[in-house]
């Protein structure tokens, strides 16, 4: 069985899509009209269209990245639940996910797994208490 750390290290949960950088506004679009040369005036429309296309492409890349990010994190949480043998739809597990994310995500997914592991004793107490109440 491949554990969650091996899956993280293999890049399974790494984003493949990149967000394009913000396009730089061409200087010709910032110049006062009275200072434009004939060559700049002739190129103005094409420069403006290219700049607008670049902004649209950047926005599209950002949307694609966030869509993939949601999908990959969904796969990560499913794999984490599977690895720890917990039900990902359990509200207590979802709370643990949030706490583990807050505690570990700045260090990467491996730190999220470690934070989740640290919370497992609470889950065991919760399960024992639920079992006794039922």
N, C-alpha and C. Protein backbone atom coordinates (compact mmCIF):
# COMPACT_ATOMS: atom_id res chain seq x y z
N UNK A 1 0.84 -1.19 0.00
CA UNK A 1 0.00 0.00 0.00
C UNK A 1 0.88 1.25 0.00
N UNK A 2 0.54 2.18 -0.82
CA UNK A 2 1.27 3.44 -0.88
C UNK A 2 0.66 4.38 0.14
N UNK A 3 1.49 4.92 1.04
CA UNK A 3 0.91 5.81 2.05
C UNK A 3 0.84 7.24 1.53
N UNK A 4 0.17 8.07 2.30
CA UNK A 4 -0.11 9.45 1.88
C UNK A 4 1.17 10.24 1.64
N UNK A 5 2.21 10.01 2.45
CA UNK A 5 3.47 10.73 2.24
C UNK A 5 4.11 10.37 0.91
N UNK A 6 4.05 9.08 0.53
CA UNK A 6 4.60 8.67 -0.76
C UNK A 6 3.83 9.33 -1.90
N UNK A 7 2.52 9.43 -1.74
CA UNK A 7 1.69 10.05 -2.78
C UNK A 7 1.99 11.54 -2.90
N UNK A 8 2.22 12.20 -1.77
CA UNK A 8 2.59 13.62 -1.80
C UNK A 8 3.94 13.78 -2.49
N UNK A 9 4.91 12.96 -2.08
CA UNK A 9 6.27 13.06 -2.64
C UNK A 9 6.31 12.72 -4.13
N UNK A 10 5.38 11.90 -4.59
CA UNK A 10 5.35 11.55 -6.02
C UNK A 10 4.78 12.69 -6.86
N UNK A 11 4.21 13.70 -6.20
CA UNK A 11 3.65 14.84 -6.94
C UNK A 11 2.20 14.66 -7.31
N UNK A 12 1.56 13.61 -6.78
CA UNK A 12 0.17 13.34 -7.13
C UNK A 12 -0.75 14.52 -6.83
N UNK A 13 -0.46 15.26 -5.78
CA UNK A 13 -1.34 16.35 -5.37
C UNK A 13 -0.77 17.72 -5.73
N UNK A 14 0.23 17.73 -6.61
CA UNK A 14 0.85 18.99 -7.03
C UNK A 14 0.10 19.56 -8.23
N UNK A 15 -0.10 20.86 -8.22
CA UNK A 15 -0.81 21.52 -9.32
C UNK A 15 0.02 21.42 -10.60
N UNK A 16 -0.65 21.13 -11.68
CA UNK A 16 0.01 21.05 -12.99
C UNK A 16 -0.18 22.36 -13.77
N UNK A 17 -1.26 23.06 -13.46
CA UNK A 17 -1.58 24.31 -14.15
C UNK A 17 -0.85 25.46 -13.47
N UNK A 18 -0.34 26.37 -14.26
CA UNK A 18 0.33 27.55 -13.71
C UNK A 18 -0.49 28.79 -14.02
N UNK A 19 -0.44 29.73 -13.11
CA UNK A 19 -1.09 31.02 -13.34
C UNK A 19 -0.10 31.90 -14.09
N UNK A 20 -0.56 32.44 -15.21
CA UNK A 20 0.29 33.35 -15.98
C UNK A 20 0.55 34.62 -15.17
N UNK A 21 1.69 35.25 -15.37
CA UNK A 21 1.97 36.50 -14.65
C UNK A 21 1.05 37.62 -15.14
N UNK A 22 0.86 38.62 -14.29
CA UNK A 22 0.09 39.78 -14.71
C UNK A 22 0.79 40.44 -15.88
N UNK A 23 0.05 40.78 -16.92
CA UNK A 23 0.70 41.47 -18.04
C UNK A 23 1.05 42.90 -17.63
N UNK A 24 2.17 43.36 -18.14
CA UNK A 24 2.60 44.73 -17.88
C UNK A 24 1.93 45.65 -18.89
N UNK A 25 1.34 46.70 -18.38
CA UNK A 25 0.69 47.65 -19.28
C UNK A 25 1.75 48.32 -20.15
N UNK A 26 1.60 48.25 -21.46
CA UNK A 26 2.58 48.87 -22.36
C UNK A 26 2.68 50.37 -22.12
N UNK A 27 3.88 50.88 -22.17
CA UNK A 27 4.12 52.31 -21.89
C UNK A 27 3.36 53.21 -22.87
N UNK A 28 3.16 52.72 -24.09
CA UNK A 28 2.47 53.54 -25.08
C UNK A 28 1.02 53.83 -24.65
N UNK A 29 0.45 52.95 -23.84
CA UNK A 29 -0.92 53.16 -23.36
C UNK A 29 -0.97 54.15 -22.19
N UNK A 30 0.17 54.43 -21.62
CA UNK A 30 0.23 55.36 -20.49
C UNK A 30 0.57 56.79 -20.93
N UNK A 31 1.07 56.93 -22.13
CA UNK A 31 1.52 58.23 -22.62
C UNK A 31 0.34 59.14 -22.95
N UNK A 32 0.49 60.43 -22.69
CA UNK A 32 -0.53 61.38 -23.17
C UNK A 32 -0.55 61.37 -24.70
N UNK A 33 -1.74 61.52 -25.26
CA UNK A 33 -1.89 61.46 -26.72
C UNK A 33 -1.00 62.46 -27.44
N UNK A 34 -0.78 63.62 -26.84
CA UNK A 34 0.04 64.65 -27.49
C UNK A 34 1.51 64.25 -27.60
N UNK A 35 1.94 63.23 -26.85
CA UNK A 35 3.34 62.82 -26.86
C UNK A 35 3.58 61.56 -27.70
N UNK A 36 2.54 61.01 -28.29
CA UNK A 36 2.69 59.80 -29.10
C UNK A 36 3.32 60.12 -30.45
N UNK A 37 4.24 59.24 -30.87
CA UNK A 37 4.82 59.39 -32.20
C UNK A 37 3.87 58.79 -33.23
N UNK A 38 4.12 59.02 -34.50
CA UNK A 38 3.29 58.44 -35.56
C UNK A 38 3.32 56.91 -35.53
N UNK A 39 4.49 56.34 -35.24
CA UNK A 39 4.63 54.89 -35.16
C UNK A 39 3.81 54.36 -33.99
N UNK A 40 3.86 55.03 -32.86
CA UNK A 40 3.08 54.61 -31.69
C UNK A 40 1.58 54.71 -31.95
N UNK A 41 1.18 55.77 -32.62
CA UNK A 41 -0.25 55.93 -32.95
C UNK A 41 -0.71 54.79 -33.86
N UNK A 42 0.12 54.44 -34.83
CA UNK A 42 -0.22 53.37 -35.77
C UNK A 42 -0.32 52.02 -35.06
N UNK A 43 0.47 51.83 -34.00
CA UNK A 43 0.49 50.54 -33.31
C UNK A 43 -0.47 50.50 -32.11
N UNK A 44 -1.08 51.60 -31.78
CA UNK A 44 -1.87 51.72 -30.57
C UNK A 44 -2.98 50.68 -30.46
N UNK A 45 -3.73 50.51 -31.50
CA UNK A 45 -4.85 49.58 -31.47
C UNK A 45 -4.37 48.14 -31.27
N UNK A 46 -3.35 47.75 -31.99
CA UNK A 46 -2.82 46.38 -31.87
C UNK A 46 -2.24 46.16 -30.47
N UNK A 47 -1.54 47.16 -29.95
CA UNK A 47 -0.96 47.05 -28.61
C UNK A 47 -2.07 46.92 -27.57
N UNK A 48 -3.11 47.71 -27.71
CA UNK A 48 -4.23 47.67 -26.76
C UNK A 48 -4.91 46.30 -26.81
N UNK A 49 -5.17 45.77 -28.00
CA UNK A 49 -5.80 44.45 -28.13
C UNK A 49 -4.94 43.35 -27.53
N UNK A 50 -3.64 43.42 -27.77
CA UNK A 50 -2.72 42.42 -27.23
C UNK A 50 -2.71 42.46 -25.71
N UNK A 51 -2.70 43.66 -25.15
CA UNK A 51 -2.71 43.82 -23.70
C UNK A 51 -4.01 43.25 -23.12
N UNK A 52 -5.14 43.52 -23.75
CA UNK A 52 -6.43 43.00 -23.28
C UNK A 52 -6.47 41.47 -23.40
N UNK A 53 -5.92 40.93 -24.49
CA UNK A 53 -5.85 39.47 -24.65
C UNK A 53 -5.01 38.84 -23.55
N UNK A 54 -3.89 39.48 -23.22
CA UNK A 54 -3.01 38.97 -22.17
C UNK A 54 -3.73 38.96 -20.81
N UNK A 55 -4.53 39.99 -20.55
CA UNK A 55 -5.28 40.03 -19.28
C UNK A 55 -6.33 38.93 -19.24
N UNK A 56 -7.01 38.69 -20.36
CA UNK A 56 -8.00 37.61 -20.43
C UNK A 56 -7.33 36.25 -20.27
N UNK A 57 -6.18 36.06 -20.89
CA UNK A 57 -5.45 34.79 -20.78
C UNK A 57 -5.00 34.56 -19.34
N UNK A 58 -4.56 35.61 -18.67
CA UNK A 58 -4.14 35.47 -17.28
C UNK A 58 -5.33 35.08 -16.41
N UNK A 59 -6.46 35.73 -16.61
CA UNK A 59 -7.66 35.40 -15.83
C UNK A 59 -8.09 33.96 -16.07
N UNK A 60 -8.04 33.51 -17.32
CA UNK A 60 -8.39 32.13 -17.65
C UNK A 60 -7.44 31.15 -16.98
N UNK A 61 -6.14 31.47 -16.98
CA UNK A 61 -5.17 30.58 -16.33
C UNK A 61 -5.40 30.53 -14.83
N UNK A 62 -5.78 31.64 -14.25
CA UNK A 62 -6.07 31.69 -12.81
C UNK A 62 -7.29 30.84 -12.49
N UNK A 63 -8.35 30.96 -13.29
CA UNK A 63 -9.55 30.16 -13.08
C UNK A 63 -9.26 28.67 -13.23
N UNK A 64 -8.46 28.31 -14.23
CA UNK A 64 -8.10 26.90 -14.44
C UNK A 64 -7.28 26.38 -13.26
N UNK A 65 -6.38 27.21 -12.76
CA UNK A 65 -5.56 26.81 -11.61
C UNK A 65 -6.43 26.54 -10.39
N UNK A 66 -7.34 27.46 -10.09
CA UNK A 66 -8.18 27.30 -8.89
C UNK A 66 -9.14 26.12 -9.03
N UNK A 67 -9.59 25.85 -10.23
CA UNK A 67 -10.43 24.67 -10.45
C UNK A 67 -9.62 23.41 -10.17
N UNK A 68 -8.42 23.35 -10.73
CA UNK A 68 -7.54 22.19 -10.49
C UNK A 68 -7.16 22.10 -9.02
N UNK A 69 -6.93 23.23 -8.39
CA UNK A 69 -6.57 23.25 -6.97
C UNK A 69 -7.67 22.62 -6.13
N UNK A 70 -8.92 22.96 -6.42
CA UNK A 70 -10.04 22.37 -5.69
C UNK A 70 -10.12 20.87 -5.89
N UNK A 71 -9.92 20.44 -7.14
CA UNK A 71 -9.97 19.01 -7.45
C UNK A 71 -8.84 18.25 -6.77
N UNK A 72 -7.65 18.81 -6.83
CA UNK A 72 -6.50 18.10 -6.24
C UNK A 72 -6.60 18.06 -4.72
N UNK A 73 -7.10 19.13 -4.11
CA UNK A 73 -7.27 19.10 -2.65
C UNK A 73 -8.38 18.14 -2.25
N UNK A 74 -9.41 18.02 -3.08
CA UNK A 74 -10.44 17.02 -2.82
C UNK A 74 -9.85 15.61 -2.83
N UNK A 75 -8.99 15.34 -3.82
CA UNK A 75 -8.32 14.03 -3.88
C UNK A 75 -7.41 13.83 -2.67
N UNK A 76 -6.74 14.90 -2.25
CA UNK A 76 -5.86 14.82 -1.08
C UNK A 76 -6.66 14.45 0.16
N UNK A 77 -7.79 15.14 0.40
CA UNK A 77 -8.58 14.85 1.60
C UNK A 77 -9.14 13.43 1.56
N UNK A 78 -9.54 12.97 0.38
CA UNK A 78 -10.02 11.59 0.26
C UNK A 78 -8.90 10.59 0.58
N UNK A 79 -7.72 10.86 0.05
CA UNK A 79 -6.58 9.97 0.30
C UNK A 79 -6.18 9.99 1.77
N UNK A 80 -6.23 11.18 2.37
CA UNK A 80 -5.89 11.30 3.78
C UNK A 80 -6.87 10.49 4.64
N UNK A 81 -8.16 10.63 4.35
CA UNK A 81 -9.18 9.88 5.10
C UNK A 81 -8.98 8.38 4.92
N UNK A 82 -8.70 7.98 3.69
CA UNK A 82 -8.48 6.56 3.42
C UNK A 82 -7.26 6.05 4.19
N UNK A 83 -6.19 6.83 4.17
CA UNK A 83 -4.95 6.43 4.83
C UNK A 83 -5.14 6.27 6.34
N UNK A 84 -5.98 7.14 6.92
CA UNK A 84 -6.21 7.09 8.36
C UNK A 84 -7.44 6.25 8.74
N UNK A 85 -8.16 5.74 7.73
CA UNK A 85 -9.30 4.89 8.00
C UNK A 85 -10.49 5.62 8.62
N UNK A 86 -10.70 6.86 8.18
CA UNK A 86 -11.82 7.64 8.71
C UNK A 86 -12.77 7.98 7.56
N UNK A 87 -14.00 8.34 7.93
CA UNK A 87 -15.02 8.69 6.94
C UNK A 87 -14.89 10.18 6.62
N UNK A 88 -14.56 10.54 5.37
CA UNK A 88 -14.36 11.95 5.03
C UNK A 88 -15.64 12.79 5.14
N UNK A 89 -16.81 12.13 5.17
CA UNK A 89 -18.06 12.90 5.27
C UNK A 89 -18.48 13.13 6.73
N UNK A 90 -17.77 12.53 7.67
CA UNK A 90 -18.06 12.72 9.09
C UNK A 90 -17.77 14.18 9.46
N UNK A 91 -18.72 14.88 10.06
CA UNK A 91 -18.50 16.29 10.42
C UNK A 91 -17.28 16.50 11.34
N UNK A 92 -17.03 15.53 12.22
CA UNK A 92 -15.87 15.65 13.10
C UNK A 92 -14.58 15.58 12.29
N UNK A 93 -14.54 14.69 11.30
CA UNK A 93 -13.36 14.57 10.44
C UNK A 93 -13.19 15.84 9.61
N UNK A 94 -14.29 16.41 9.15
CA UNK A 94 -14.20 17.66 8.38
C UNK A 94 -13.66 18.80 9.25
N UNK A 95 -14.05 18.82 10.51
CA UNK A 95 -13.50 19.81 11.44
C UNK A 95 -12.00 19.58 11.63
N UNK A 96 -11.63 18.30 11.76
CA UNK A 96 -10.21 17.96 11.88
C UNK A 96 -9.44 18.42 10.64
N UNK A 97 -10.05 18.23 9.46
CA UNK A 97 -9.41 18.68 8.22
C UNK A 97 -9.12 20.17 8.29
N UNK A 98 -10.11 20.94 8.73
CA UNK A 98 -9.92 22.39 8.81
C UNK A 98 -8.82 22.77 9.79
N UNK A 99 -8.81 22.11 10.94
CA UNK A 99 -7.77 22.39 11.93
C UNK A 99 -6.39 21.99 11.42
N UNK A 100 -6.32 20.83 10.79
CA UNK A 100 -5.03 20.35 10.25
C UNK A 100 -4.54 21.30 9.16
N UNK A 101 -5.46 21.78 8.33
CA UNK A 101 -5.08 22.72 7.26
C UNK A 101 -4.54 24.01 7.87
N UNK A 102 -5.24 24.55 8.86
CA UNK A 102 -4.80 25.79 9.51
C UNK A 102 -3.43 25.63 10.13
N UNK A 103 -3.19 24.49 10.74
CA UNK A 103 -1.93 24.27 11.45
C UNK A 103 -0.77 23.93 10.52
N UNK A 104 -1.04 23.33 9.37
CA UNK A 104 0.07 22.80 8.59
C UNK A 104 0.26 23.26 7.18
N UNK A 105 -0.74 23.90 6.55
CA UNK A 105 -0.64 24.12 5.11
C UNK A 105 0.51 25.02 4.69
N UNK A 106 0.94 25.92 5.55
CA UNK A 106 2.05 26.80 5.15
C UNK A 106 3.34 26.01 4.97
N UNK A 107 3.41 24.83 5.58
CA UNK A 107 4.60 23.98 5.43
C UNK A 107 4.45 22.92 4.36
N UNK A 108 3.29 22.84 3.73
CA UNK A 108 3.06 21.85 2.69
C UNK A 108 2.11 20.76 3.16
N UNK A 109 1.72 19.92 2.23
CA UNK A 109 0.75 18.87 2.53
C UNK A 109 1.26 17.86 3.55
N UNK A 110 2.55 17.62 3.57
CA UNK A 110 3.12 16.72 4.56
C UNK A 110 2.87 17.22 5.98
N UNK A 111 2.97 18.53 6.17
CA UNK A 111 2.70 19.11 7.49
C UNK A 111 1.22 19.04 7.83
N UNK A 112 0.36 19.11 6.82
CA UNK A 112 -1.08 18.94 7.06
C UNK A 112 -1.35 17.52 7.55
N UNK A 113 -0.70 16.55 6.92
CA UNK A 113 -0.85 15.15 7.35
C UNK A 113 -0.38 14.99 8.79
N UNK A 114 0.75 15.58 9.13
CA UNK A 114 1.27 15.50 10.50
C UNK A 114 0.30 16.13 11.50
N UNK A 115 -0.26 17.27 11.13
CA UNK A 115 -1.22 17.95 12.01
C UNK A 115 -2.47 17.09 12.17
N UNK A 116 -2.91 16.46 11.08
CA UNK A 116 -4.08 15.58 11.15
C UNK A 116 -3.78 14.39 12.07
N UNK A 117 -2.59 13.83 11.93
CA UNK A 117 -2.18 12.71 12.78
C UNK A 117 -2.18 13.12 14.25
N UNK A 118 -1.75 14.34 14.53
CA UNK A 118 -1.76 14.84 15.90
C UNK A 118 -3.17 14.92 16.48
N UNK A 119 -4.16 15.09 15.60
CA UNK A 119 -5.56 15.20 16.04
C UNK A 119 -6.26 13.84 16.17
N UNK A 120 -5.63 12.79 15.71
CA UNK A 120 -6.27 11.47 15.74
C UNK A 120 -6.67 11.00 17.14
N UNK A 121 -5.90 11.30 18.19
CA UNK A 121 -6.38 10.90 19.52
C UNK A 121 -7.74 11.53 19.87
N UNK A 122 -7.97 12.74 19.42
CA UNK A 122 -9.28 13.37 19.63
C UNK A 122 -10.37 12.61 18.89
N UNK A 123 -10.04 12.18 17.68
CA UNK A 123 -11.02 11.42 16.89
C UNK A 123 -11.37 10.11 17.60
N UNK A 124 -10.35 9.45 18.14
CA UNK A 124 -10.60 8.19 18.85
C UNK A 124 -11.48 8.41 20.08
N UNK A 125 -11.24 9.50 20.80
CA UNK A 125 -12.11 9.84 21.94
C UNK A 125 -13.54 10.10 21.46
N UNK A 126 -13.65 10.83 20.38
CA UNK A 126 -14.96 11.14 19.80
C UNK A 126 -15.70 9.86 19.40
N UNK A 127 -14.98 8.97 18.72
CA UNK A 127 -15.61 7.70 18.28
C UNK A 127 -16.02 6.85 19.49
N UNK A 128 -15.16 6.78 20.50
CA UNK A 128 -15.49 6.02 21.71
C UNK A 128 -16.71 6.60 22.40
N UNK A 129 -16.76 7.91 22.50
CA UNK A 129 -17.89 8.57 23.15
C UNK A 129 -19.17 8.35 22.35
N UNK A 130 -19.09 8.46 21.04
CA UNK A 130 -20.26 8.23 20.17
C UNK A 130 -20.74 6.81 20.29
N UNK A 131 -19.80 5.88 20.33
CA UNK A 131 -20.16 4.46 20.45
C UNK A 131 -20.84 4.16 21.77
N UNK A 132 -20.41 4.83 22.85
CA UNK A 132 -21.01 4.62 24.16
C UNK A 132 -22.39 5.24 24.25
N UNK A 133 -22.62 6.33 23.49
CA UNK A 133 -23.91 7.02 23.52
C UNK A 133 -24.97 6.32 22.67
N UNK A 134 -24.55 5.50 21.74
CA UNK A 134 -25.51 4.87 20.81
C UNK A 134 -26.07 3.59 21.35
